[in-house]
Amino acid sequence: MVYVLEDEKSILELVVYALNSQNILACGFDEVKAFQDALKNEIPKIAILDVMLPNTSGFEVLKSLKSNPKTKNICVLMLTALSDEYEKVKGLDLGADDYITKPFGIMELIARVRVILRRLDTDTPDFTLNGLEFSNTKHEVRINGEKIKLTLKEFELLGFLLKNPNRAFMREEIMHILWGNYESYSRTLDIHIKTLRQKLGDYGQIIKTIHGIGYKLEC
């Protein structure tokens, strides 16, 4: 299920119709309250959020989703007229999985939704490496029994690397898989790698930089 929160009804109807026509079950909302009420009955796999909403913003809705244990695992695609790089990075850092700017091609939007769905179908299983424990089931990481607080993107990044040990990935590959298609924002990936290494402490050393290429997890 995909929930779409968009106050412009013409865009909302188009997006919902397009997704349903591609056998991707979708439900649309033009008010935040209706969206929040629907979450009480069903948790979707993906939420498409418009940034410019009446009386609030999609960023605030995103924060609310990620702070709630029941909804924090919903994948989020931000839909907005804002094209400023800062706004894009802000959304990604808050936990958004992808970001598309209006006006957009409907087939591109569908393609980005499919990327997220494919990733959800190939989630990393629980993994243990000496004292490092990665649990997709519990959505947590522990080091020597102590829970480590990671952002959603840091968690997904670690899970992706653990699932593909000793394989070097280009920055563009990682960005495409985890963020959609953000070749021009590879520094966002570099920042996430840096903070992830710091939080992992000594285990951060297993994430290697392959100069001129990207990264790999070595174990």
Protein backbone atom coordinates (compact mmCIF):
# COMPACT_ATOMS: atom_id res chain seq x y z
CA MET A 1 0.00 0.00 0.00
CA VAL A 2 1.15 3.53 -0.86
CA TYR A 3 -0.33 6.59 0.87
CA VAL A 4 -0.18 9.91 -0.99
CA LEU A 5 -0.54 13.19 0.93
CA GLU A 6 -0.96 16.08 -1.51
CA ASP A 7 -3.24 19.13 -1.12
CA GLU A 8 -3.49 19.85 -4.87
CA LYS A 9 -6.34 17.55 -5.81
CA SER A 10 -5.49 17.37 -9.52
CA ILE A 11 -1.98 16.11 -8.74
CA LEU A 12 -3.29 13.80 -6.02
CA GLU A 13 -5.80 12.18 -8.34
CA LEU A 14 -3.21 11.78 -11.11
CA VAL A 15 -0.64 10.14 -8.84
CA VAL A 16 -3.13 7.76 -7.22
CA TYR A 17 -4.63 6.80 -10.57
CA ALA A 18 -1.20 6.21 -12.12
CA LEU A 19 -0.01 4.02 -9.27
CA ASN A 20 -3.20 1.94 -9.23
CA SER A 21 -3.02 1.54 -13.01
CA GLN A 22 0.41 -0.07 -12.51
CA ASN A 23 -0.99 -2.51 -9.92
CA ILE A 24 0.54 -0.53 -7.06
CA LEU A 25 -2.26 -0.13 -4.53
CA ALA A 26 -2.51 3.54 -3.52
CA CYS A 27 -4.76 5.75 -1.44
CA GLY A 28 -4.79 9.56 -1.53
CA PHE A 29 -5.34 12.25 1.10
CA ASP A 30 -5.55 16.03 0.69
CA GLU A 31 -5.52 16.75 4.46
CA VAL A 32 -3.01 15.80 7.13
CA LYS A 33 -5.70 14.71 9.60
CA ALA A 34 -7.23 12.26 7.12
CA PHE A 35 -3.75 10.88 6.44
CA GLN A 36 -3.04 10.47 10.16
CA ASP A 37 -6.43 8.83 10.79
CA ALA A 38 -5.75 6.30 8.01
CA LEU A 39 -2.44 5.36 9.68
CA LYS A 40 -4.42 4.13 12.68
CA ASN A 41 -6.07 1.49 10.51
CA GLU A 42 -3.27 0.49 8.14
CA ILE A 43 0.46 1.18 7.90
CA PRO A 44 1.55 1.58 4.26
CA LYS A 45 4.90 0.50 2.88
CA ILE A 46 5.45 3.90 1.27
CA ALA A 47 4.21 7.43 1.94
CA ILE A 48 4.48 10.12 -0.76
CA LEU A 49 4.45 13.49 1.02
CA ASP A 50 4.01 16.93 -0.48
CA VAL A 51 6.27 19.42 1.31
CA MET A 52 4.03 22.50 0.96
CA LEU A 53 0.90 21.64 2.94
CA PRO A 54 -1.69 23.97 4.53
CA ASN A 55 -0.79 24.88 8.14
CA THR A 56 2.21 22.53 8.21
CA SER A 57 4.91 21.01 6.00
CA GLY A 58 5.76 17.61 4.68
CA PHE A 59 8.97 17.81 6.72
CA GLU A 60 6.93 18.01 9.93
CA VAL A 61 4.82 15.04 8.82
CA LEU A 62 8.04 13.17 8.03
CA LYS A 63 9.44 13.93 11.49
CA SER A 64 6.22 12.67 13.06
CA LEU A 65 6.38 9.41 11.10
CA LYS A 66 10.01 8.75 12.00
CA SER A 67 9.48 9.51 15.71
CA ASN A 68 6.63 7.01 16.06
CA PRO A 69 7.67 3.35 16.54
CA LYS A 70 4.59 2.22 14.61
CA THR A 71 5.34 4.32 11.53
CA LYS A 72 9.11 4.86 11.57
CA ASN A 73 9.74 2.10 9.03
CA ILE A 74 7.46 3.61 6.38
CA CYS A 75 9.54 4.56 3.35
CA VAL A 76 8.97 8.18 2.36
CA LEU A 77 9.20 9.93 -1.00
CA MET A 78 9.04 13.73 -0.82
CA LEU A 79 7.06 15.51 -3.53
CA THR A 80 7.60 19.25 -3.79
CA ALA A 81 8.00 22.37 -5.89
CA LEU A 82 11.14 23.24 -3.94
CA SER A 83 14.29 22.65 -5.99
CA ASP A 84 16.88 24.09 -3.60
CA GLU A 85 19.66 21.61 -2.80
CA TYR A 86 19.44 22.41 0.91
CA GLU A 87 15.78 21.40 0.99
CA LYS A 88 16.56 18.14 -0.78
CA VAL A 89 19.36 17.25 1.61
CA LYS A 90 17.16 18.25 4.57
CA GLY A 91 14.47 15.80 3.52
CA LEU A 92 16.97 12.99 3.01
CA ASP A 93 18.63 13.64 6.36
CA LEU A 94 15.28 13.56 8.12
CA GLY A 95 14.81 10.03 6.82
CA ALA A 96 13.19 10.43 3.40
CA ASP A 97 14.09 7.70 0.93
CA ASP A 98 13.72 9.78 -2.19
CA TYR A 99 12.86 13.25 -3.42
CA ILE A 100 11.19 14.36 -6.64
CA THR A 101 10.59 17.96 -7.74
CA LYS A 102 7.49 19.34 -9.43
CA PRO A 103 6.81 19.38 -12.30
CA PHE A 104 7.65 15.70 -12.63
CA GLY A 105 7.06 12.91 -15.11
CA ILE A 106 4.54 10.40 -13.79
CA MET A 107 6.55 7.48 -15.16
CA GLU A 108 9.61 8.71 -13.29
CA LEU A 109 7.57 8.82 -10.08
CA ILE A 110 6.33 5.27 -10.65
CA ALA A 111 9.90 4.13 -11.35
CA ARG A 112 11.11 5.63 -8.07
CA VAL A 113 8.28 3.92 -6.16
CA ARG A 114 9.24 0.62 -7.77
CA VAL A 115 12.88 1.10 -6.68
CA ILE A 116 11.75 1.46 -3.08
CA LEU A 117 9.45 -1.57 -3.33
CA ARG A 118 12.27 -3.70 -4.77
CA ARG A 119 14.53 -2.69 -1.91
CA LEU A 120 11.85 -3.59 0.61
CA ASP A 121 11.62 -7.05 -0.96
CA THR A 122 15.35 -7.60 -0.43
CA ASP A 123 15.81 -6.35 3.14
CA THR A 124 18.92 -7.47 5.00
CA PRO A 125 18.40 -10.43 7.35
CA ASP A 126 19.64 -10.35 10.94
CA PHE A 127 23.43 -10.35 11.00
CA THR A 128 26.13 -10.81 13.64
CA LEU A 129 29.81 -9.94 13.26
CA ASN A 130 31.68 -10.61 16.49
CA GLY A 131 30.19 -8.01 18.86
CA LEU A 132 28.25 -6.17 16.15
CA GLU A 133 24.60 -7.22 15.90
CA PHE A 134 22.33 -5.98 13.12
CA SER A 135 18.65 -6.88 13.46
CA ASN A 136 16.27 -5.95 10.67
CA THR A 137 13.51 -7.75 12.56
CA LYS A 138 13.89 -5.50 15.62
CA HIS A 139 15.23 -2.58 13.55
CA GLU A 140 18.21 -2.08 15.83
CA VAL A 141 21.99 -2.29 15.97
CA ARG A 142 23.93 -3.33 19.05
CA ILE A 143 27.64 -3.32 19.81
CA ASN A 144 28.66 -5.65 22.63
CA GLY A 145 25.04 -5.69 23.75
CA GLU A 146 24.65 -1.91 23.82
CA LYS A 147 22.05 -0.42 21.47
CA ILE A 148 23.45 2.11 19.00
CA LYS A 149 21.15 4.92 17.85
CA LEU A 150 21.23 5.28 14.06
CA THR A 151 19.13 7.37 11.71
CA LEU A 152 16.98 5.46 9.24
CA LYS A 153 19.42 6.13 6.40
CA GLU A 154 22.43 5.07 8.49
CA PHE A 155 20.59 1.86 9.39
CA GLU A 156 19.73 1.14 5.75
CA LEU A 157 23.27 1.95 4.63
CA LEU A 158 24.81 -0.41 7.19
CA GLY A 159 22.34 -3.14 6.29
CA PHE A 160 23.10 -2.76 2.58
CA LEU A 161 26.87 -3.02 3.14
CA LEU A 162 26.49 -5.99 5.52
CA LYS A 163 24.41 -7.78 2.91
CA ASN A 164 27.17 -7.30 0.32
CA PRO A 165 30.45 -7.82 2.21
CA ASN A 166 33.79 -7.34 0.43
CA ARG A 167 32.12 -5.90 -2.67
CA ALA A 168 33.12 -2.41 -3.78
CA PHE A 169 30.26 -0.12 -4.78
CA MET A 170 30.43 3.11 -6.72
CA ARG A 171 28.88 6.09 -4.97
CA GLU A 172 26.30 6.32 -7.75
CA GLU A 173 25.25 2.70 -7.20
CA ILE A 174 24.65 3.21 -3.49
CA MET A 175 22.81 6.49 -4.04
CA HIS A 176 20.58 4.92 -6.69
CA ILE A 177 19.71 1.91 -4.52
CA LEU A 178 19.16 3.71 -1.21
CA TRP A 179 18.11 7.20 -2.29
CA GLY A 180 16.69 6.70 -5.75
CA ASN A 181 18.83 8.60 -8.23
CA TYR A 182 21.04 11.24 -6.64
CA GLU A 183 24.31 11.12 -8.53
CA SER A 184 24.86 14.85 -7.96
CA TYR A 185 24.54 14.52 -4.20
CA SER A 186 27.28 12.00 -3.46
CA ARG A 187 28.50 14.21 -0.61
CA THR A 188 25.28 13.30 1.19
CA LEU A 189 26.48 9.70 1.06
CA ASP A 190 29.94 10.71 2.29
CA ILE A 191 28.38 12.48 5.29
CA HIS A 192 26.29 9.42 6.15
CA ILE A 193 29.35 7.16 5.89
CA LYS A 194 31.28 9.49 8.21
CA THR A 195 28.58 9.62 10.89
CA LEU A 196 27.97 5.87 10.62
CA ARG A 197 31.65 5.14 11.17
CA GLN A 198 31.69 7.41 14.21
CA LYS A 199 28.68 5.72 15.78
CA LEU A 200 30.10 2.24 15.16
CA GLY A 201 33.33 3.11 16.98
CA ASP A 202 36.03 0.50 16.34
CA TYR A 203 33.65 -1.36 13.99
CA GLY A 204 33.57 1.70 11.76
CA GLN A 205 36.91 0.55 10.39
CA ILE A 206 35.22 -2.26 8.46
CA ILE A 207 33.70 0.35 6.11
CA LYS A 208 36.49 1.07 3.65
CA THR A 209 36.82 3.97 1.24
CA ILE A 210 37.79 2.88 -2.26
CA HIS A 211 39.39 6.03 -3.64
CA GLY A 212 37.98 7.10 -6.96
CA ILE A 213 35.21 4.52 -6.73
CA GLY A 214 33.15 4.45 -3.53
CA TYR A 215 32.90 2.16 -0.51
CA LYS A 216 32.86 -1.43 0.64
CA LEU A 217 32.42 -3.34 3.88
CA GLU A 218 35.42 -5.56 4.60
CA CYS A 219 35.05 -8.51 6.94
